[in-house]
Amino acid sequence: MNSTRRFAAVILAAGQGTRMRSDLHKVLHPIAGRAMLLHLLDRVDALGAERRVVVVGKGRAQVEAALAPSGTAIALQAEQKGTAHAVQQAAAALDGYDGPVLILYGDTPFVEAATLDKMLERLDAADAPGIVVLGSRPADPGAYGRILVDGDRIRKMVEYRDASDEERAVTLCNSGMMAVRGPDLFGWLGQVGNANAAKEYYLPDVVNIAVGEGRPAVVIEGDPYETAGVNSRAKLAHLELEWQRRRREQALEDGATLIDPESVWFAFDTELGRDVTIEPHVVFGPGVTVADGAIIHAFSHIEGAAIGAGASVGPFARLRPGTRLGDKARVGNFVEIKNAVLGAGAKANHLSYVGDAEVGAGANIGAGTITCNYDGYGKYRTTIGAGAFIGSNSALVAPVSIGAGAIVGAGSVVTIDVEADSLAVSRGRQKGIAGWAARFRAAKVTPNSAQ
């Protein structure tokens, strides 16, 4: 793959998205924890686009906010007049640019960078095609536009609603994605008409115009997964399922053990080391790395966390953003960790909340312990030294520090710092009253108690 190849990308994202039934712009709906549009931009970035333009319509503010950190240019299609008209709106952003242009779709997120590179390479081939179109042969061609070819040369492209029965029988479908040189593109766009069933200006018509001028147009066939678009919640769910299936296969290939692969859900950036074991019903949110030999037990939810080598998480654990587990640290059942570091070998084995905390190596946090990190206005940190022992059902009221090797007695509420290697006990003194329970029961037993 040539990552230094010169090109610009125009990404169409101006569709209404009405079938999504959502206030969120269609291209911002996530797959694997990342907006579809950002998945696509990742692939464009992998090739090093010289310019990037996203054409938007309704929902412009949402798309602009999502793209703000990237510096991607925005073009507005104020009226929905078809895909050819949408591409024309990118002309100002590409003013003075004479190189190849990739036309892509924000709701078709998984075209591979290698496939895009092949399109650009074919555009530069010795026979100098005017346009390179990406096609595919999906299992259900449905209402996709059809491509009629001789070899890889395109004779005609036709939208499904305008196609004859014979043309609809063709299985080679148009993805809408194409590569074409900038000057050619905008020259041909100016000739596109709207004499069709929808009265729209169709982008595929530039192919027919090019062919009519004797400029060859060719097709490259891609995996139907790469050309799969999303126009409904059902399509979104189906594409998510296929992405997850492929990611699970990759995890197994890379040396992880998935006990029940279909019940494990990855994010777009999940990183797994070798010999990691993942039990059933584990969900990874964005920003998770798992080092070699770690085990994630069943029904755990992990997001924004780094898990050290040989560490153990769960079952039924929740790791929230900012969590860092050292090598061989242990987080057990019904434990929640947030914005906290557990040193090597530290343990919080059950029923605890550790938030905004620094836990030293080898420290032990007993069942029911919580770090009281929030007072309704601000967050405060708790520091627990190496080798410290926190007894069960303790509350550590931040900001507070527990020294290395210190012991906090069970049931304590700790509000001041504890010195290293000392014992801290903070609870009411137990008092016994002989015979009180028997007298209590006797007082409650009356002649009417059996009624």
Protein backbone atom coordinates (compact mmCIF):
# COMPACT_ATOMS: atom_id res chain seq x y z
CA MET A 1 0.00 0.00 0.00
CA ASN A 2 1.36 3.37 -1.03
CA SER A 3 0.69 5.71 1.93
CA THR A 4 2.42 8.61 0.14
CA ARG A 5 0.14 8.62 -2.88
CA ARG A 6 -1.35 12.06 -3.55
CA PHE A 7 -5.15 12.32 -3.37
CA ALA A 8 -8.11 14.21 -1.89
CA ALA A 9 -11.22 12.68 -0.33
CA VAL A 10 -14.79 13.91 -0.62
CA ILE A 11 -17.08 12.18 1.88
CA LEU A 12 -20.82 12.51 1.37
CA ALA A 13 -22.79 12.85 4.61
CA ALA A 14 -25.72 15.04 3.60
CA GLY A 15 -28.43 12.38 3.56
CA GLN A 16 -31.52 12.93 5.69
CA GLY A 17 -31.19 9.58 7.47
CA THR A 18 -34.94 9.49 8.11
CA ARG A 19 -35.05 5.70 8.37
CA MET A 20 -32.75 5.82 11.39
CA ARG A 21 -35.55 7.48 13.39
CA SER A 22 -32.96 9.41 15.38
CA ASP A 23 -31.98 12.91 16.44
CA LEU A 24 -28.36 11.85 15.98
CA HIS A 25 -26.91 12.36 12.50
CA LYS A 26 -26.77 9.05 10.65
CA VAL A 27 -23.00 9.04 10.08
CA LEU A 28 -22.38 9.62 13.80
CA HIS A 29 -24.11 6.44 14.90
CA PRO A 30 -21.41 4.25 16.42
CA ILE A 31 -20.15 0.82 15.50
CA ALA A 32 -17.76 -0.73 18.01
CA GLY A 33 -17.85 2.46 20.04
CA ARG A 34 -16.84 4.83 17.22
CA ALA A 35 -18.92 6.92 14.83
CA MET A 36 -19.18 5.49 11.31
CA LEU A 37 -17.76 8.67 9.82
CA LEU A 38 -14.69 8.48 12.07
CA HIS A 39 -14.09 4.84 11.09
CA LEU A 40 -13.98 5.97 7.47
CA LEU A 41 -11.70 8.92 8.20
CA ASP A 42 -9.28 6.52 9.92
CA ARG A 43 -8.93 4.67 6.64
CA VAL A 44 -8.49 7.88 4.67
CA ASP A 45 -5.87 9.03 7.17
CA ALA A 46 -4.01 5.74 6.76
CA LEU A 47 -3.40 6.72 3.13
CA GLY A 48 -2.51 10.33 3.95
CA ALA A 49 -5.12 12.41 2.15
CA GLU A 50 -3.89 15.81 0.98
CA ARG A 51 -7.36 17.30 1.46
CA ARG A 52 -10.51 16.00 3.11
CA VAL A 53 -13.99 17.44 2.59
CA VAL A 54 -17.18 16.22 4.25
CA VAL A 55 -20.40 17.32 2.56
CA VAL A 56 -23.23 17.77 5.06
CA GLY A 57 -26.83 18.96 5.07
CA LYS A 58 -29.24 18.55 7.94
CA GLY A 59 -27.44 18.01 11.23
CA ARG A 60 -24.42 20.03 10.15
CA ALA A 61 -23.63 21.25 13.67
CA GLN A 62 -23.35 17.69 14.99
CA VAL A 63 -20.95 16.67 12.24
CA GLU A 64 -18.87 19.82 12.63
CA ALA A 65 -18.53 19.15 16.37
CA ALA A 66 -17.40 15.57 15.74
CA LEU A 67 -14.84 16.69 13.14
CA ALA A 68 -13.57 19.79 14.98
CA PRO A 69 -10.36 18.19 16.28
CA SER A 70 -9.43 16.81 12.83
CA GLY A 71 -9.36 19.99 10.75
CA THR A 72 -11.51 18.38 8.05
CA ALA A 73 -13.21 20.87 5.70
CA ILE A 74 -17.01 21.07 5.72
CA ALA A 75 -19.16 21.79 2.65
CA LEU A 76 -22.91 22.40 2.87
CA GLN A 77 -25.54 20.89 0.60
CA ALA A 78 -28.45 23.11 1.57
CA GLU A 79 -30.92 21.38 -0.79
CA GLN A 80 -31.01 17.63 -1.30
CA LYS A 81 -30.74 17.29 -5.07
CA GLY A 82 -28.82 14.03 -5.34
CA THR A 83 -25.30 12.71 -5.01
CA ALA A 84 -23.85 14.51 -8.03
CA HIS A 85 -25.13 17.80 -6.65
CA ALA A 86 -23.64 16.91 -3.25
CA VAL A 87 -20.17 16.37 -4.70
CA GLN A 88 -20.39 19.70 -6.51
CA GLN A 89 -20.62 21.43 -3.12
CA ALA A 90 -17.01 20.37 -2.44
CA ALA A 91 -15.70 22.41 -5.39
CA ALA A 92 -14.72 25.44 -3.30
CA ALA A 93 -12.78 23.32 -0.79
CA LEU A 94 -10.91 21.68 -3.69
CA ASP A 95 -10.24 24.91 -5.56
CA GLY A 96 -6.88 24.71 -7.31
CA TYR A 97 -6.51 20.97 -6.66
CA ASP A 98 -5.78 18.92 -9.79
CA GLY A 99 -5.00 15.50 -8.34
CA PRO A 100 -7.10 12.36 -7.88
CA VAL A 101 -10.26 12.55 -5.78
CA LEU A 102 -11.81 9.65 -3.86
CA ILE A 103 -15.56 9.99 -3.45
CA LEU A 104 -16.73 8.10 -0.36
CA TYR A 105 -19.81 7.83 1.85
CA GLY A 106 -19.98 8.55 5.56
CA ASP A 107 -22.46 5.71 6.15
CA THR A 108 -20.21 3.14 4.42
CA PRO A 109 -17.44 3.02 7.00
CA PHE A 110 -15.41 -0.12 6.42
CA VAL A 111 -13.84 0.17 2.99
CA GLU A 112 -10.21 -0.81 3.56
CA ALA A 113 -7.34 1.59 3.00
CA ALA A 114 -5.74 -1.06 0.79
CA THR A 115 -8.82 -1.09 -1.44
CA LEU A 116 -8.78 2.69 -1.74
CA ASP A 117 -5.12 2.48 -2.65
CA LYS A 118 -5.93 -0.02 -5.39
CA MET A 119 -8.50 2.39 -6.82
CA LEU A 120 -5.92 5.16 -6.97
CA GLU A 121 -3.34 2.83 -8.46
CA ARG A 122 -5.78 1.73 -11.16
CA LEU A 123 -6.52 5.39 -11.96
CA ASP A 124 -2.80 5.86 -12.63
CA ALA A 125 -2.50 2.76 -14.82
CA ALA A 126 -1.08 2.88 -18.36
CA ASP A 127 -4.51 2.75 -20.04
CA ALA A 128 -5.41 5.98 -18.18
CA PRO A 129 -9.03 5.34 -17.18
CA GLY A 130 -11.10 8.44 -16.51
CA ILE A 131 -12.94 6.91 -13.56
CA VAL A 132 -12.44 3.93 -11.27
CA VAL A 133 -15.60 2.64 -9.58
CA LEU A 134 -15.68 0.29 -6.57
CA GLY A 135 -18.25 -2.45 -7.06
CA SER A 136 -19.19 -5.63 -5.23
CA ARG A 137 -21.48 -8.62 -5.47
CA PRO A 138 -23.53 -8.72 -2.24
CA ALA A 139 -25.55 -11.81 -1.41
CA ASP A 140 -28.71 -9.72 -1.76
CA PRO A 141 -28.23 -7.08 -4.48
CA GLY A 142 -31.53 -5.49 -3.47
CA ALA A 143 -31.98 -1.94 -4.72
CA TYR A 144 -28.33 -1.18 -5.40
CA GLY A 145 -27.48 0.43 -8.71
CA ARG A 146 -26.11 -2.00 -11.29
CA ILE A 147 -22.85 -1.92 -13.27
CA LEU A 148 -22.75 -3.37 -16.78
CA VAL A 149 -19.23 -4.31 -17.88
CA ASP A 150 -17.04 -5.84 -20.56
CA GLY A 151 -14.15 -7.26 -18.58
CA ASP A 152 -13.42 -4.44 -16.15
CA ARG A 153 -14.59 -1.76 -18.59
CA ILE A 154 -17.92 -0.19 -17.68
CA ARG A 155 -20.49 0.02 -20.46
CA LYS A 156 -23.24 1.55 -18.38
CA MET A 157 -24.27 2.31 -14.81
CA VAL A 158 -27.94 2.48 -13.90
CA GLU A 159 -29.90 3.16 -10.70
CA TYR A 160 -32.15 0.29 -9.67
CA ARG A 161 -35.38 2.23 -10.05
CA ASP A 162 -34.41 3.19 -13.60
CA ALA A 163 -33.11 -0.26 -14.58
CA SER A 164 -34.82 -2.76 -16.84
CA ASP A 165 -35.54 -6.30 -15.65
CA GLU A 166 -32.50 -7.50 -17.60
CA GLU A 167 -30.29 -4.88 -15.98
CA ARG A 168 -31.65 -5.70 -12.52
CA ALA A 169 -30.58 -9.30 -13.05
CA VAL A 170 -26.93 -8.17 -13.09
CA THR A 171 -25.22 -9.01 -9.78
CA LEU A 172 -22.38 -6.47 -9.96
CA CYS A 173 -23.53 -3.56 -7.81
CA ASN A 174 -22.38 0.03 -7.49
CA SER A 175 -21.05 1.06 -4.08
CA GLY A 176 -21.12 4.73 -5.08
CA MET A 177 -17.41 5.05 -4.30
CA MET A 178 -15.11 6.13 -7.10
CA ALA A 179 -11.75 7.66 -7.95
CA VAL A 180 -11.49 10.40 -10.57
CA ARG A 181 -9.14 13.28 -11.26
CA GLY A 182 -10.37 16.62 -9.98
CA PRO A 183 -10.60 18.57 -13.25
CA ASP A 184 -12.40 15.69 -14.97
CA LEU A 185 -14.77 15.26 -12.03
CA PHE A 186 -16.12 18.78 -11.92
CA GLY A 187 -16.29 19.01 -15.70
CA TRP A 188 -18.47 15.92 -15.91
CA LEU A 189 -20.57 16.92 -12.90
CA GLY A 190 -21.58 20.04 -14.80
CA GLN A 191 -23.13 17.83 -17.51
CA VAL A 192 -25.24 15.65 -15.20
CA GLY A 193 -28.99 16.05 -15.68
CA ASN A 194 -31.98 14.91 -13.66
CA ALA A 195 -34.12 13.16 -16.27
CA ASN A 196 -34.82 10.14 -14.06
CA ALA A 197 -37.54 8.73 -11.82
CA ALA A 198 -36.39 10.67 -8.76
CA LYS A 199 -35.60 13.94 -10.61
CA GLU A 200 -32.21 13.94 -8.88
CA TYR A 201 -28.67 14.52 -10.11
CA TYR A 202 -27.04 11.10 -9.82
CA LEU A 203 -23.29 10.76 -9.34
CA PRO A 204 -23.07 7.52 -11.40
CA ASP A 205 -24.11 9.53 -14.45
CA VAL A 206 -20.56 10.93 -14.65
CA VAL A 207 -19.47 7.44 -15.67
CA ASN A 208 -21.93 7.35 -18.54
CA ILE A 209 -20.80 10.84 -19.58
CA ALA A 210 -17.14 9.80 -19.48
CA VAL A 211 -17.83 6.68 -21.51
CA GLY A 212 -19.78 8.75 -24.02
CA GLU A 213 -16.69 10.94 -24.47
CA GLY A 214 -14.53 7.89 -25.14
CA ARG A 215 -12.87 8.02 -21.72
CA PRO A 216 -12.77 4.49 -20.27
CA ALA A 217 -14.33 3.86 -16.90
CA VAL A 218 -13.34 0.70 -15.03
CA VAL A 219 -14.53 -1.22 -12.00
CA ILE A 220 -12.64 -2.81 -9.12
CA GLU A 221 -14.54 -5.42 -7.13
CA GLY A 222 -14.37 -5.27 -3.33
CA ASP A 223 -15.63 -7.40 -0.46
CA PRO A 224 -19.36 -6.72 0.07
CA TYR A 225 -18.49 -5.97 3.71
CA GLU A 226 -16.43 -3.01 2.52
CA THR A 227 -19.29 -1.61 0.47
CA ALA A 228 -22.06 -2.23 3.00
CA GLY A 229 -23.89 0.97 3.84
CA VAL A 230 -26.22 1.86 6.70
CA ASN A 231 -29.62 3.44 6.23
CA SER A 232 -31.59 1.93 9.11
CA ARG A 233 -31.15 0.69 12.67
CA ALA A 234 -31.37 -2.87 11.41
CA LYS A 235 -28.53 -2.31 8.90
CA LEU A 236 -26.48 -0.70 11.67
CA ALA A 237 -26.97 -3.72 13.92
CA HIS A 238 -26.10 -6.16 11.13
CA LEU A 239 -22.88 -4.31 10.31
CA GLU A 240 -21.96 -4.20 14.00
CA LEU A 241 -22.42 -7.97 14.18
CA GLU A 242 -20.19 -8.53 11.17
CA TRP A 243 -17.50 -6.18 12.53
CA GLN A 244 -17.56 -8.03 15.86
CA ARG A 245 -17.37 -11.42 14.14
CA ARG A 246 -14.26 -10.38 12.24
CA ARG A 247 -12.67 -8.83 15.33
CA ARG A 248 -13.24 -11.99 17.37
CA GLU A 249 -11.62 -14.08 14.68
CA GLN A 250 -8.65 -11.70 14.68
CA ALA A 251 -8.33 -11.92 18.47
CA LEU A 252 -8.23 -15.72 18.29
CA GLU A 253 -5.72 -15.58 15.45
CA ASP A 254 -3.51 -13.24 17.50
CA GLY A 255 -3.29 -15.62 20.45
CA ALA A 256 -6.16 -14.77 22.81
CA THR A 257 -8.56 -17.35 24.21
CA LEU A 258 -12.26 -16.51 23.95
CA ILE A 259 -14.29 -19.14 25.77
CA ASP A 260 -17.52 -18.08 24.04
CA PRO A 261 -16.51 -15.73 21.22
CA GLU A 262 -20.02 -14.64 20.26
CA SER A 263 -20.69 -13.23 23.74
CA VAL A 264 -17.57 -11.01 23.79
CA TRP A 265 -17.95 -7.45 22.46
CA PHE A 266 -14.94 -5.41 21.43
CA ALA A 267 -14.45 -1.71 20.84
CA PHE A 268 -12.72 -0.36 17.76
CA ASP A 269 -9.40 0.09 19.61
CA THR A 270 -9.30 -2.86 22.05
CA GLU A 271 -5.77 -4.24 22.37
CA LEU A 272 -5.11 -7.75 23.67
CA GLY A 273 -1.78 -9.32 24.51
CA ARG A 274 -0.84 -12.95 24.03
CA ASP A 275 -2.40 -15.67 26.16
CA VAL A 276 -5.16 -13.39 27.38
CA THR A 277 -8.26 -15.34 28.40
CA ILE A 278 -11.70 -13.79 28.09
CA GLU A 279 -14.66 -15.59 29.59
CA PRO A 280 -18.25 -15.24 28.33
CA HIS A 281 -20.28 -12.03 28.37
CA VAL A 282 -17.47 -9.48 28.57
CA VAL A 283 -17.94 -6.00 27.07
CA PHE A 284 -15.02 -3.75 26.13
CA GLY A 285 -15.64 -0.04 25.71
CA PRO A 286 -13.13 2.24 24.00
CA GLY A 287 -9.61 2.69 25.30
CA VAL A 288 -8.78 -0.74 26.74
CA THR A 289 -5.44 -2.53 26.67
CA VAL A 290 -4.94 -5.98 28.18
CA ALA A 291 -1.40 -7.25 28.68
CA ASP A 292 -0.11 -10.80 28.23
CA GLY A 293 -1.58 -13.54 30.36
CA ALA A 294 -4.38 -11.52 31.96
CA ILE A 295 -7.77 -13.12 32.51
CA ILE A 296 -11.09 -11.34 32.22
CA HIS A 297 -13.80 -13.32 33.96
CA ALA A 298 -17.41 -13.45 32.90
CA PHE A 299 -19.87 -10.54 32.91
CA SER A 300 -17.27 -7.81 33.27
CA HIS A 301 -17.52 -4.36 31.66
CA ILE A 302 -14.27 -2.53 30.92
CA GLU A 303 -13.73 0.93 29.44
CA GLY A 304 -10.73 3.25 29.31
CA ALA A 305 -8.55 0.88 31.32
CA ALA A 306 -5.07 -0.64 31.12
CA ILE A 307 -4.78 -4.14 32.57
CA GLY A 308 -1.34 -5.46 33.47
CA ALA A 309 0.24 -8.80 32.67
CA GLY A 310 -1.23 -11.71 34.59
CA ALA A 311 -3.91 -9.55 36.20
CA SER A 312 -7.37 -10.93 36.96
CA VAL A 313 -10.65 -9.07 36.53
CA GLY A 314 -14.14 -10.19 37.56
CA PRO A 315 -16.48 -11.91 37.36
CA PHE A 316 -19.04 -9.10 37.43
CA ALA A 317 -16.41 -6.35 37.65
CA ARG A 318 -16.62 -2.86 36.21
CA LEU A 319 -13.50 -0.94 35.25
CA ARG A 320 -14.19 2.68 34.31
CA PRO A 321 -11.97 5.20 32.49
CA GLY A 322 -8.66 5.99 34.12
CA THR A 323 -8.23 2.55 35.67
CA ARG A 324 -4.71 1.09 35.66
CA LEU A 325 -4.06 -2.40 37.02
CA GLY A 326 -0.48 -3.47 37.68
CA ASP A 327 0.89 -6.90 36.91
CA LYS A 328 -0.96 -9.68 38.76
CA ALA A 329 -3.38 -7.25 40.37
CA ARG A 330 -6.79 -8.69 41.18
CA VAL A 331 -10.21 -7.09 40.89
CA GLY A 332 -12.99 -9.46 41.89
CA ASN A 333 -16.72 -9.82 41.75
CA PHE A 334 -18.92 -6.74 42.08
CA VAL A 335 -15.96 -4.38 42.34
CA GLU A 336 -15.98 -1.03 40.55
CA ILE A 337 -12.73 0.84 39.83
CA LYS A 338 -12.69 4.39 38.44
CA ASN A 339 -9.74 6.67 37.72
CA ALA A 340 -7.58 4.61 40.04
CA VAL A 341 -4.25 2.79 39.94
CA LEU A 342 -3.77 -0.60 41.57
CA GLY A 343 -0.11 -1.51 41.90
CA ALA A 344 1.40 -4.89 41.12
CA GLY A 345 -0.25 -7.64 43.12
CA ALA A 346 -2.80 -5.33 44.78
CA LYS A 347 -6.20 -6.88 45.44
CA ALA A 348 -9.80 -5.70 45.69
CA ASN A 349 -11.52 -9.05 45.57
CA HIS A 350 -15.18 -8.31 46.19
CA LEU A 351 -17.94 -5.80 46.74
CA SER A 352 -15.90 -2.60 46.76
CA TYR A 353 -15.74 0.80 45.07
CA VAL A 354 -12.29 2.31 44.49
CA GLY A 355 -12.44 5.70 42.79
CA ASP A 356 -9.83 8.45 42.37
CA ALA A 357 -7.25 6.42 44.22
CA GLU A 358 -3.66 5.25 44.20
CA VAL A 359 -3.24 1.76 45.64
CA GLY A 360 0.28 0.52 46.27
CA ALA A 361 1.77 -2.83 45.31
CA GLY A 362 0.53 -5.76 47.34
CA ALA A 363 -2.15 -3.80 49.19
CA ASN A 364 -5.36 -5.61 50.10
CA ILE A 365 -8.78 -3.96 50.05
CA GLY A 366 -11.42 -5.86 52.00
CA ALA A 367 -15.01 -6.54 51.00
CA GLY A 368 -17.39 -3.61 51.16
CA THR A 369 -14.67 -0.94 51.21
CA ILE A 370 -15.35 2.35 49.49
CA THR A 371 -13.29 5.42 48.79
CA CYS A 372 -15.56 8.38 49.47
CA ASN A 373 -14.20 10.56 46.68
CA TYR A 374 -17.00 13.06 46.05
CA ASP A 375 -18.54 15.64 48.39
CA GLY A 376 -21.15 16.92 45.96
CA TYR A 377 -18.84 19.60 44.56
CA GLY A 378 -15.38 18.16 43.93
CA LYS A 379 -13.47 14.91 43.55
CA TYR A 380 -10.62 14.00 45.92
CA ARG A 381 -8.01 11.28 45.92
CA THR A 382 -7.21 8.46 48.30
CA THR A 383 -3.70 7.05 48.59
CA ILE A 384 -3.12 3.56 49.96
CA GLY A 385 0.50 2.58 50.49
CA ALA A 386 2.21 -0.63 49.45
CA GLY A 387 1.30 -3.64 51.56
CA ALA A 388 -1.49 -1.86 53.43
CA PHE A 389 -4.52 -3.84 54.58
CA ILE A 390 -7.98 -2.27 54.54
CA GLY A 391 -10.49 -4.21 56.63
CA SER A 392 -13.93 -5.06 55.31
CA ASN A 393 -16.72 -2.50 55.25
CA SER A 394 -14.41 0.48 55.66
CA ALA A 395 -15.03 3.97 54.30
CA LEU A 396 -11.99 6.05 53.35
CA VAL A 397 -13.07 9.68 53.20
CA ALA A 398 -10.88 11.52 50.69
CA PRO A 399 -8.57 13.30 50.66
CA VAL A 400 -6.85 10.77 52.87
CA SER A 401 -3.65 8.73 52.88
CA ILE A 402 -3.06 5.26 54.30
CA GLY A 403 0.62 4.62 54.89
CA ALA A 404 2.57 1.65 53.59
CA GLY A 405 2.00 -1.49 55.67
CA ALA A 406 -0.77 0.11 57.74
CA ILE A 407 -3.88 -1.78 58.81
CA VAL A 408 -7.35 -0.29 58.90
CA GLY A 409 -9.73 -2.21 61.16
CA ALA A 410 -12.94 -3.57 59.67
CA GLY A 411 -15.87 -1.18 59.74
CA SER A 412 -13.76 1.93 60.15
CA VAL A 413 -14.55 5.37 58.80
CA VAL A 414 -11.16 6.96 58.12
CA THR A 415 -11.09 10.74 57.83
CA ILE A 416 -7.47 11.54 58.73
CA ASP A 417 -4.18 10.19 57.41
CA VAL A 418 -2.91 6.87 58.78
CA GLU A 419 0.81 6.46 59.47
CA ALA A 420 2.81 3.67 57.89
CA ASP A 421 2.75 0.34 59.76
CA SER A 422 0.14 1.61 62.24
CA LEU A 423 -3.34 0.36 63.12
CA ALA A 424 -6.33 2.65 62.56
CA VAL A 425 -9.69 1.77 64.10
CA SER A 426 -12.57 4.19 63.90
CA ARG A 427 -15.90 2.78 65.06
CA GLY A 428 -18.27 2.83 67.98
CA ARG A 429 -17.34 0.70 71.04
CA GLN A 430 -19.35 -2.51 71.30
CA LYS A 431 -21.42 -2.89 74.48
CA GLY A 432 -23.26 -6.00 75.73
CA ILE A 433 -26.38 -5.99 77.94
CA ALA A 434 -27.00 -9.42 79.43
CA GLY A 435 -30.54 -10.80 79.03
CA TRP A 436 -31.80 -7.86 76.95
CA ALA A 437 -32.74 -9.98 73.93
CA ALA A 438 -34.77 -12.44 75.99
CA ARG A 439 -36.68 -9.63 77.69
CA PHE A 440 -37.33 -7.99 74.31
CA ARG A 441 -38.84 -11.16 72.89
CA ALA A 442 -40.96 -11.74 75.98
CA ALA A 443 -42.37 -8.22 75.78
CA LYS A 444 -43.41 -8.82 72.19
CA VAL A 445 -45.26 -12.08 72.90
CA THR A 446 -48.90 -11.29 73.79
CA PRO A 447 -52.10 -13.39 73.92
CA ASN A 448 -53.04 -11.89 70.53
CA SER A 449 -49.72 -12.64 68.81
CA ALA A 450 -50.99 -15.85 67.24
CA GLN A 451 -53.87 -14.13 65.45
